[in-house]
Amino acid sequence: MNRFEKILGKYEVLNAQPLGSGAHSTIYAVKDKNNHVYAIKHVVRTSPEQQRFIDQVEIEHQIAQKIDHPAIRKSFKIIRKGLLKTNEVYVLMELVDGMTLEQYEFADMLDFCQVMQKVADGLGAFHAAGFVHADIKPNNIMVDDKQVVKIIDLGQSCPLGTVKLRIQGTPDYIAPEQVRRKQITAETDVYNLGATMYFLLTKQHVPSIMPSTEPTVAKKPSKECKPVKDLNPDVPLALSSLVMNCIEYQPSDRPQSMNQVHQRLSMAITQLGRSDSTDGKAQSTSADR
């Protein structure tokens, strides 16, 4: 009998090697007696300073249970272990079979826009439920070969309007208001998604606004952020403009909802269609000659 059978019931570990691991967490693939496959995240706290890792997995489970959307990873069950205080947590989650966007190779710009629309839809469901993901980045978005998208790792998620006690986020994708410890809003996810798209399209990061000496002060980056289209000419102008709009310093200058992001991605898709049509006509004319 393995430890998951003891803790969660009749679950068989499919592979001794974990699917992945992070800060004090490990994820395994398991199946139940009906051959339904899941993922189990195991988190251990070995010192008081590591309490935040327990807190994050608790938050991830609680918020995932409140959002029902195909692009959000589901969380089914949580088991806490410990005598006086929880020092070990097991979470039964949806198994996501795919690659992170850092690993995924987009077929073309149409594929890119369609995947991003699904991400925007998932984040829109987050906001409609009253939450912000607050840590969108390529490694927290997964997609399979059928273009099924899953947003994962909700450990830094929080209610709309939250002011966090400390800076949380990933430096290359973090929004200015996260560094300044201002209210976290839907526009924060817009920025994080914009920084994600910028990297995926250009292979360069948005110049960081993380300060080096004053940890509570976010200043505009001294390095100019080049437009996406300047770095990747294949990107349609509508998509380049959207990405640059998403990473505006002031939240009020960004798209105000994921619905707006979705609509502007549709504009980019339309522009791609026109471009393809124009290219086809040019090739036809050249062939006729």
Protein backbone atom coordinates (compact mmCIF):
# COMPACT_ATOMS: atom_id res chain seq x y z
CA MET A 1 0.00 0.00 0.00
CA ASN A 2 1.53 3.33 -1.06
CA ARG A 3 1.20 6.56 0.92
CA PHE A 4 -1.57 7.89 -1.34
CA GLU A 5 -3.70 4.83 -0.61
CA LYS A 6 -3.21 5.47 3.09
CA ILE A 7 -4.00 9.18 2.89
CA LEU A 8 -6.58 9.60 0.12
CA GLY A 9 -7.93 6.12 -0.39
CA LYS A 10 -7.50 3.68 -3.28
CA TYR A 11 -5.17 5.56 -5.62
CA GLU A 12 -2.42 3.85 -7.54
CA VAL A 13 0.66 5.85 -8.49
CA LEU A 14 1.14 5.49 -12.25
CA ASN A 15 4.82 6.34 -12.28
CA ALA A 16 7.40 6.48 -9.52
CA GLN A 17 8.79 9.61 -11.14
CA PRO A 18 6.80 12.76 -10.33
CA LEU A 19 5.11 14.77 -13.06
CA GLY A 20 6.74 17.85 -11.67
CA SER A 21 7.98 19.57 -8.56
CA GLY A 22 8.15 23.08 -7.21
CA ALA A 23 8.85 24.90 -3.98
CA HIS A 24 8.20 22.17 -1.41
CA SER A 25 5.62 20.44 -3.62
CA THR A 26 5.59 17.36 -5.81
CA ILE A 27 2.92 16.21 -8.27
CA TYR A 28 2.25 12.57 -9.15
CA ALA A 29 -0.12 10.94 -11.64
CA VAL A 30 -2.51 8.46 -10.00
CA LYS A 31 -5.61 6.46 -10.88
CA ASP A 32 -8.53 5.14 -8.83
CA LYS A 33 -10.17 1.71 -8.92
CA ASN A 34 -12.38 2.87 -11.83
CA ASN A 35 -9.28 3.81 -13.84
CA HIS A 36 -10.02 7.53 -13.59
CA VAL A 37 -6.73 9.40 -13.76
CA TYR A 38 -5.84 12.37 -11.53
CA ALA A 39 -2.89 14.35 -10.28
CA ILE A 40 -1.98 14.52 -6.60
CA LYS A 41 -0.02 17.51 -5.31
CA HIS A 42 1.91 16.80 -2.13
CA VAL A 43 3.17 19.77 -0.08
CA VAL A 44 5.28 19.52 3.07
CA ARG A 45 6.14 22.19 5.65
CA THR A 46 9.31 21.49 7.61
CA SER A 47 9.73 24.89 9.32
CA PRO A 48 7.52 27.85 10.31
CA GLU A 49 9.05 29.91 7.49
CA GLN A 50 7.53 27.47 4.99
CA GLN A 51 3.95 28.03 6.11
CA ARG A 52 3.30 30.08 2.97
CA PHE A 53 3.61 26.96 0.83
CA ILE A 54 0.80 25.31 2.80
CA ASP A 55 -1.22 28.54 2.58
CA GLN A 56 -0.78 28.72 -1.18
CA VAL A 57 -2.00 25.19 -1.85
CA GLU A 58 -4.99 25.82 0.45
CA ILE A 59 -5.81 28.96 -1.56
CA GLU A 60 -5.36 27.10 -4.84
CA HIS A 61 -7.86 24.45 -3.80
CA GLN A 62 -10.42 26.88 -2.36
CA ILE A 63 -10.45 29.16 -5.40
CA ALA A 64 -10.41 26.34 -7.96
CA GLN A 65 -13.54 24.93 -6.33
CA LYS A 66 -15.34 28.24 -6.86
CA ILE A 67 -14.59 28.55 -10.58
CA ASP A 68 -16.13 26.17 -13.10
CA HIS A 69 -14.51 26.76 -16.48
CA PRO A 70 -12.84 24.32 -18.91
CA ALA A 71 -9.67 26.43 -19.03
CA ILE A 72 -9.15 26.33 -15.24
CA ARG A 73 -7.57 23.28 -13.64
CA LYS A 74 -10.06 21.59 -11.31
CA SER A 75 -9.30 20.65 -7.71
CA PHE A 76 -11.41 17.88 -6.17
CA LYS A 77 -10.24 17.03 -2.68
CA ILE A 78 -7.79 18.16 -0.01
CA ILE A 79 -6.40 16.21 2.93
CA ARG A 80 -4.49 17.93 5.74
CA LYS A 81 -2.08 16.15 8.05
CA GLY A 82 -0.51 17.30 11.31
CA LEU A 83 -0.99 17.12 15.07
CA LEU A 84 -1.33 20.72 16.27
CA LYS A 85 -0.89 22.46 12.91
CA THR A 86 -1.07 21.33 9.29
CA ASN A 87 2.40 20.43 8.08
CA GLU A 88 1.48 18.24 5.13
CA VAL A 89 -1.21 18.58 2.46
CA TYR A 90 -2.41 16.29 -0.32
CA VAL A 91 -4.60 17.73 -3.09
CA LEU A 92 -6.41 15.60 -5.66
CA MET A 93 -6.57 17.57 -8.90
CA GLU A 94 -7.39 17.29 -12.57
CA LEU A 95 -4.52 15.71 -14.50
CA VAL A 96 -3.42 18.07 -17.24
CA ASP A 97 -1.84 16.25 -20.19
CA GLY A 98 0.00 18.85 -22.18
CA MET A 99 2.92 21.27 -22.34
CA THR A 100 3.48 24.67 -20.81
CA LEU A 101 3.44 27.58 -23.24
CA GLU A 102 7.18 27.84 -22.77
CA GLN A 103 7.47 24.34 -24.27
CA TYR A 104 4.62 24.51 -26.78
CA GLU A 105 5.41 25.33 -30.41
CA PHE A 106 2.68 27.39 -32.01
CA ALA A 107 1.77 26.26 -35.51
CA ASP A 108 1.28 29.84 -36.69
CA MET A 109 -0.08 33.21 -35.58
CA LEU A 110 -3.66 31.95 -35.87
CA ASP A 111 -2.86 29.16 -33.43
CA PHE A 112 -1.30 31.72 -31.09
CA CYS A 113 -4.33 34.01 -31.14
CA GLN A 114 -6.81 31.17 -30.63
CA VAL A 115 -4.87 29.79 -27.66
CA MET A 116 -4.68 33.26 -26.11
CA GLN A 117 -8.42 33.72 -26.56
CA LYS A 118 -8.99 30.59 -24.50
CA VAL A 119 -6.63 31.88 -21.83
CA ALA A 120 -8.51 35.20 -21.81
CA ASP A 121 -11.82 33.34 -21.47
CA GLY A 122 -10.48 31.39 -18.49
CA LEU A 123 -9.20 34.53 -16.80
CA GLY A 124 -12.52 36.22 -17.52
CA ALA A 125 -14.19 33.43 -15.53
CA PHE A 126 -11.74 34.11 -12.70
CA HIS A 127 -12.74 37.76 -12.62
CA ALA A 128 -16.46 37.02 -12.89
CA ALA A 129 -16.08 34.82 -9.79
CA GLY A 130 -14.40 37.69 -7.95
CA PHE A 131 -10.75 36.58 -8.14
CA VAL A 132 -7.46 37.47 -9.83
CA HIS A 133 -4.91 34.82 -10.79
CA ALA A 134 -2.00 37.23 -10.18
CA ASP A 135 0.75 34.95 -11.54
CA ILE A 136 0.05 34.39 -15.22
CA LYS A 137 3.20 33.38 -17.09
CA PRO A 138 4.11 30.79 -19.75
CA ASN A 139 4.75 28.04 -17.18
CA ASN A 140 1.30 28.50 -15.63
CA ILE A 141 -0.59 27.93 -18.87
CA MET A 142 -0.73 24.47 -20.42
CA VAL A 143 -2.01 23.37 -23.82
CA ASP A 144 -2.25 20.00 -25.56
CA ASP A 145 -2.07 19.00 -29.23
CA LYS A 146 -5.83 19.54 -29.56
CA GLN A 147 -5.49 23.15 -28.37
CA VAL A 148 -7.11 22.40 -25.00
CA VAL A 149 -5.93 25.11 -22.62
CA LYS A 150 -5.57 24.87 -18.83
CA ILE A 151 -4.56 27.64 -16.45
CA ILE A 152 -2.73 26.13 -13.49
CA ASP A 153 -1.02 27.11 -10.22
CA LEU A 154 -3.57 29.29 -8.43
CA GLY A 155 -1.43 29.64 -5.31
CA GLN A 156 -1.06 33.43 -5.61
CA SER A 157 -4.68 34.02 -6.59
CA CYS A 158 -6.67 36.44 -4.47
CA PRO A 159 -10.01 38.30 -4.35
CA LEU A 160 -10.33 41.34 -6.61
CA GLY A 161 -9.05 44.45 -4.84
CA THR A 162 -6.64 42.61 -2.53
CA VAL A 163 -3.64 44.55 -1.23
CA LYS A 164 -0.92 42.00 -0.46
CA LEU A 165 1.41 42.35 2.52
CA ARG A 166 4.45 41.45 0.46
CA ILE A 167 5.46 41.50 -3.20
CA GLN A 168 4.25 38.37 -4.96
CA GLY A 169 4.71 37.55 -8.61
CA THR A 170 7.30 36.47 -11.17
CA PRO A 171 9.77 39.31 -11.97
CA ASP A 172 9.62 38.99 -15.77
CA TYR A 173 5.81 39.14 -15.79
CA ILE A 174 4.88 41.07 -12.64
CA ALA A 175 2.68 44.17 -12.94
CA PRO A 176 3.75 47.55 -11.48
CA GLU A 177 0.89 47.55 -8.96
CA GLN A 178 2.04 44.19 -7.63
CA VAL A 179 5.48 45.63 -6.91
CA ARG A 180 3.99 48.79 -5.42
CA ARG A 181 1.67 46.64 -3.27
CA LYS A 182 -1.43 48.40 -4.56
CA GLN A 183 -4.80 46.79 -5.27
CA ILE A 184 -4.67 43.64 -7.38
CA THR A 185 -7.37 43.87 -10.06
CA ALA A 186 -8.43 42.31 -13.36
CA GLU A 187 -6.02 44.71 -15.06
CA THR A 188 -3.20 42.97 -13.17
CA ASP A 189 -3.97 39.75 -15.01
CA VAL A 190 -4.16 41.77 -18.23
CA TYR A 191 -0.59 42.96 -17.63
CA ASN A 192 0.67 39.48 -16.70
CA LEU A 193 -0.94 38.05 -19.85
CA GLY A 194 0.49 40.87 -21.96
CA ALA A 195 3.98 40.22 -20.61
CA THR A 196 3.47 36.52 -21.33
CA MET A 197 2.43 37.20 -24.93
CA TYR A 198 5.35 39.61 -25.35
CA PHE A 199 7.83 36.90 -24.37
CA LEU A 200 6.20 34.19 -26.47
CA LEU A 201 6.19 36.41 -29.57
CA THR A 202 9.62 38.01 -29.20
CA LYS A 203 11.60 35.65 -26.93
CA GLN A 204 12.45 38.74 -24.92
CA HIS A 205 11.04 39.80 -21.57
CA VAL A 206 9.34 43.07 -20.84
CA PRO A 207 11.94 45.22 -19.01
CA SER A 208 11.39 44.48 -15.33
CA ILE A 209 9.93 47.07 -13.01
CA MET A 210 11.23 45.15 -10.00
CA PRO A 211 13.42 47.58 -8.00
CA SER A 212 16.96 46.62 -7.04
CA THR A 213 17.29 48.74 -3.90
CA GLU A 214 13.84 49.92 -2.81
CA PRO A 215 11.61 46.82 -2.52
CA THR A 216 8.36 48.77 -2.14
CA VAL A 217 8.88 51.24 -4.97
CA ALA A 218 8.17 50.31 -8.58
CA LYS A 219 9.64 52.68 -11.12
CA LYS A 220 9.11 52.71 -14.83
CA PRO A 221 11.88 50.66 -16.46
CA SER A 222 14.76 52.72 -17.76
CA LYS A 223 15.07 50.42 -20.76
CA GLU A 224 12.56 51.13 -23.52
CA CYS A 225 10.22 48.27 -24.36
CA LYS A 226 10.37 47.79 -28.12
CA PRO A 227 7.08 47.15 -29.94
CA VAL A 228 6.42 43.49 -30.63
CA LYS A 229 6.22 44.03 -34.39
CA ASP A 230 9.69 45.61 -34.42
CA LEU A 231 11.10 42.40 -32.94
CA ASN A 232 8.92 39.96 -34.88
CA PRO A 233 7.65 41.26 -38.26
CA ASP A 234 5.34 38.24 -38.63
CA VAL A 235 3.10 39.55 -35.84
CA PRO A 236 0.02 41.36 -37.21
CA LEU A 237 -0.21 45.01 -36.20
CA ALA A 238 -3.45 44.45 -34.28
CA LEU A 239 -1.78 41.80 -32.10
CA SER A 240 1.35 43.89 -31.54
CA SER A 241 -0.79 46.86 -30.50
CA LEU A 242 -2.83 44.72 -28.11
CA VAL A 243 0.26 43.32 -26.37
CA MET A 244 1.80 46.77 -25.95
CA ASN A 245 -1.53 48.09 -24.63
CA CYS A 246 -1.72 45.24 -22.08
CA ILE A 247 1.67 46.14 -20.59
CA GLU A 248 0.93 49.82 -20.03
CA TYR A 249 2.31 51.03 -16.70
CA GLN A 250 -1.01 52.42 -15.45
CA PRO A 251 -3.83 49.86 -15.02
CA SER A 252 -6.37 52.38 -16.34
CA ASP A 253 -4.49 52.55 -19.66
CA ARG A 254 -4.80 48.79 -20.29
CA PRO A 255 -7.79 46.85 -21.68
CA GLN A 256 -10.31 46.87 -18.84
CA SER A 257 -11.50 43.29 -19.18
CA MET A 258 -10.55 39.94 -20.64
CA ASN A 259 -13.55 40.30 -22.92
CA GLN A 260 -11.82 43.30 -24.51
CA VAL A 261 -8.62 41.26 -24.86
CA HIS A 262 -10.62 38.46 -26.54
CA GLN A 263 -12.25 40.92 -28.96
CA ARG A 264 -8.93 42.45 -29.95
CA LEU A 265 -7.47 39.01 -30.54
CA SER A 266 -10.41 38.47 -32.90
CA MET A 267 -9.35 41.65 -34.72
CA ALA A 268 -5.85 40.21 -35.07
CA ILE A 269 -7.31 36.98 -36.45
CA THR A 270 -9.29 39.00 -38.99
CA GLN A 271 -6.13 40.87 -39.95
CA LEU A 272 -4.31 37.57 -40.40
CA GLY A 273 -7.04 36.39 -42.76
CA ARG A 274 -6.76 39.51 -44.85
CA SER A 275 -2.98 39.16 -44.94
CA ASP A 276 -3.24 35.56 -46.11
CA SER A 277 -5.73 36.60 -48.76
CA THR A 278 -3.45 39.40 -49.96
CA ASP A 279 -0.44 37.08 -50.05
CA GLY A 280 -2.44 34.55 -52.05
CA LYS A 281 -3.44 37.19 -54.61
CA ALA A 282 0.15 38.36 -54.93
CA GLN A 283 1.36 34.81 -55.51
CA SER A 284 -1.38 34.22 -58.07
CA THR A 285 -0.52 37.42 -59.93
CA SER A 286 3.16 36.52 -59.91
CA ALA A 287 2.39 33.02 -61.23
CA ASP A 288 0.25 34.43 -64.04
CA ARG A 289 3.14 36.47 -65.20
